[in-house]
Amino acid sequence: MTEENNKSKYITEEHLDKRLGEQTQVIVEAVNSIMEKRTIEIREEVKDVRKELYIVRNELVSEIKEVKEELKRDINNVQTLIDGYVKA
């Protein structure tokens, strides 16, 4: 075998750098693709959670208003009773 044939059998540093660079690029692109998909999924999940929280918040506000109105009625009833006893 000639010297040139022997050299072609060995991996050169340049060839290794080139191949590693290509493989690194493929890996980075794959990871980026996965991360983008997951980011979109997470954003959708966050939107859904925000919607649910908004609904729950509105329900709580309604319940608080109802309790507040009930307390006002009860206070007015007690006040009326006390006024009745005082007048009697």
C-alpha atoms as a PDB file:
ATOM      1  CA  MET A   1       0.000   0.000   0.000  1.00  0.00           C
ATOM      2  CA  THR A   2       1.079   3.440  -0.689  1.00  0.00           C
ATOM      3  CA  GLU A   3       1.440   6.153   1.884  1.00  0.00           C
ATOM      4  CA  GLU A   4      -1.629   7.989   0.575  1.00  0.00           C
ATOM      5  CA  ASN A   5      -3.807   4.905   1.046  1.00  0.00           C
ATOM      6  CA  ASN A   6      -2.573   4.526   4.611  1.00  0.00           C
ATOM      7  CA  LYS A   7      -3.416   8.174   5.371  1.00  0.00           C
ATOM      8  CA  SER A   8      -6.960   7.762   4.059  1.00  0.00           C
ATOM      9  CA  LYS A   9      -7.568   4.945   6.537  1.00  0.00           C
ATOM     10  CA  TYR A  10      -7.006   7.185   9.537  1.00  0.00           C
ATOM     11  CA  ILE A  11      -9.372   9.763  10.919  1.00  0.00           C
ATOM     12  CA  THR A  12      -7.820  13.149  10.779  1.00  0.00           C
ATOM     13  CA  GLU A  13      -8.434  15.869  13.328  1.00  0.00           C
ATOM     14  CA  GLU A  14      -9.998  17.998  10.625  1.00  0.00           C
ATOM     15  CA  HIS A  15     -12.400  15.213   9.634  1.00  0.00           C
ATOM     16  CA  LEU A  16     -13.272  14.570  13.275  1.00  0.00           C
ATOM     17  CA  ASP A  17     -13.933  18.261  13.922  1.00  0.00           C
ATOM     18  CA  LYS A  18     -16.152  18.420  10.841  1.00  0.00           C
ATOM     19  CA  ARG A  19     -18.156  15.313  11.807  1.00  0.00           C
ATOM     20  CA  LEU A  20     -18.526  16.414  15.435  1.00  0.00           C
ATOM     21  CA  GLY A  21     -19.661  19.827  14.267  1.00  0.00           C
ATOM     22  CA  GLU A  22     -22.296  18.273  12.018  1.00  0.00           C
ATOM     23  CA  GLN A  23     -23.497  15.906  14.735  1.00  0.00           C
ATOM     24  CA  THR A  24     -23.590  18.718  17.272  1.00  0.00           C
ATOM     25  CA  GLN A  25     -25.701  20.801  14.903  1.00  0.00           C
ATOM     26  CA  VAL A  26     -28.147  17.912  14.405  1.00  0.00           C
ATOM     27  CA  ILE A  27     -28.425  17.399  18.166  1.00  0.00           C
ATOM     28  CA  VAL A  28     -28.916  21.124  18.827  1.00  0.00           C
ATOM     29  CA  GLU A  29     -31.643  21.327  16.167  1.00  0.00           C
ATOM     30  CA  ALA A  30     -33.408  18.275  17.604  1.00  0.00           C
ATOM     31  CA  VAL A  31     -33.275  19.668  21.139  1.00  0.00           C
ATOM     32  CA  ASN A  32     -34.519  23.062  19.910  1.00  0.00           C
ATOM     33  CA  SER A  33     -37.410  21.394  18.127  1.00  0.00           C
ATOM     34  CA  ILE A  34     -38.378  19.446  21.240  1.00  0.00           C
ATOM     35  CA  MET A  35     -38.053  22.531  23.436  1.00  0.00           C
ATOM     36  CA  GLU A  36     -40.212  24.605  21.077  1.00  0.00           C
ATOM     37  CA  LYS A  37     -42.951  21.961  21.082  1.00  0.00           C
ATOM     38  CA  ARG A  38     -42.824  21.679  24.865  1.00  0.00           C
ATOM     39  CA  THR A  39     -42.871  25.470  25.241  1.00  0.00           C
ATOM     40  CA  ILE A  40     -46.017  25.651  23.102  1.00  0.00           C
ATOM     41  CA  GLU A  41     -47.623  22.883  25.189  1.00  0.00           C
ATOM     42  CA  ILE A  42     -46.747  24.672  28.432  1.00  0.00           C
ATOM     43  CA  ARG A  43     -48.146  27.958  27.131  1.00  0.00           C
ATOM     44  CA  GLU A  44     -51.416  26.216  26.248  1.00  0.00           C
ATOM     45  CA  GLU A  45     -51.538  24.621  29.699  1.00  0.00           C
ATOM     46  CA  VAL A  46     -50.947  28.015  31.314  1.00  0.00           C
ATOM     47  CA  LYS A  47     -53.772  29.516  29.229  1.00  0.00           C
ATOM     48  CA  ASP A  48     -56.100  26.735  30.378  1.00  0.00           C
ATOM     49  CA  VAL A  49     -55.116  27.209  34.026  1.00  0.00           C
ATOM     50  CA  ARG A  50     -55.641  30.975  33.738  1.00  0.00           C
ATOM     51  CA  LYS A  51     -59.116  30.403  32.297  1.00  0.00           C
ATOM     52  CA  GLU A  52     -59.965  28.019  35.132  1.00  0.00           C
ATOM     53  CA  LEU A  53     -58.629  30.444  37.734  1.00  0.00           C
ATOM     54  CA  TYR A  54     -60.657  33.267  36.202  1.00  0.00           C
ATOM     55  CA  ILE A  55     -63.817  31.152  36.409  1.00  0.00           C
ATOM     56  CA  VAL A  56     -63.104  30.144  40.015  1.00  0.00           C
ATOM     57  CA  ARG A  57     -62.333  33.764  40.931  1.00  0.00           C
ATOM     58  CA  ASN A  58     -65.614  34.947  39.464  1.00  0.00           C
ATOM     59  CA  GLU A  59     -67.504  32.214  41.316  1.00  0.00           C
ATOM     60  CA  LEU A  60     -65.826  33.213  44.576  1.00  0.00           C
ATOM     61  CA  VAL A  61     -66.616  36.876  44.023  1.00  0.00           C
ATOM     62  CA  SER A  62     -70.282  35.970  43.425  1.00  0.00           C
ATOM     63  CA  GLU A  63     -70.390  33.847  46.572  1.00  0.00           C
ATOM     64  CA  ILE A  64     -68.776  36.613  48.624  1.00  0.00           C
ATOM     65  CA  LYS A  65     -71.353  39.095  47.331  1.00  0.00           C
ATOM     66  CA  GLU A  66     -74.164  36.704  48.289  1.00  0.00           C
ATOM     67  CA  VAL A  67     -72.755  36.224  51.789  1.00  0.00           C
ATOM     68  CA  LYS A  68     -72.308  39.987  52.159  1.00  0.00           C
ATOM     69  CA  GLU A  69     -75.936  40.603  51.178  1.00  0.00           C
ATOM     70  CA  GLU A  70     -77.108  37.875  53.562  1.00  0.00           C
ATOM     71  CA  LEU A  71     -75.099  39.447  56.394  1.00  0.00           C
ATOM     72  CA  LYS A  72     -76.641  42.846  55.627  1.00  0.00           C
ATOM     73  CA  ARG A  73     -80.141  41.314  55.822  1.00  0.00           C
ATOM     74  CA  ASP A  74     -79.318  39.564  59.091  1.00  0.00           C
ATOM     75  CA  ILE A  75     -77.901  42.767  60.587  1.00  0.00           C
ATOM     76  CA  ASN A  76     -80.990  44.681  59.479  1.00  0.00           C
ATOM     77  CA  ASN A  77     -83.225  42.000  61.029  1.00  0.00           C
ATOM     78  CA  VAL A  78     -81.333  42.160  64.314  1.00  0.00           C
ATOM     79  CA  GLN A  79     -81.480  45.943  64.247  1.00  0.00           C
ATOM     80  CA  THR A  80     -85.240  45.810  63.659  1.00  0.00           C
ATOM     81  CA  LEU A  81     -85.671  43.358  66.542  1.00  0.00           C
ATOM     82  CA  ILE A  82     -83.641  45.551  68.890  1.00  0.00           C
ATOM     83  CA  ASP A  83     -85.625  48.633  67.849  1.00  0.00           C
ATOM     84  CA  GLY A  84     -88.845  46.702  68.540  1.00  0.00           C
ATOM     85  CA  TYR A  85     -87.689  45.683  72.026  1.00  0.00           C
ATOM     86  CA  VAL A  86     -86.557  49.250  72.803  1.00  0.00           C
ATOM     87  CA  LYS A  87     -89.918  50.686  71.729  1.00  0.00           C
ATOM     88  CA  ALA A  88     -91.793  48.078  73.725  1.00  0.00           C
END
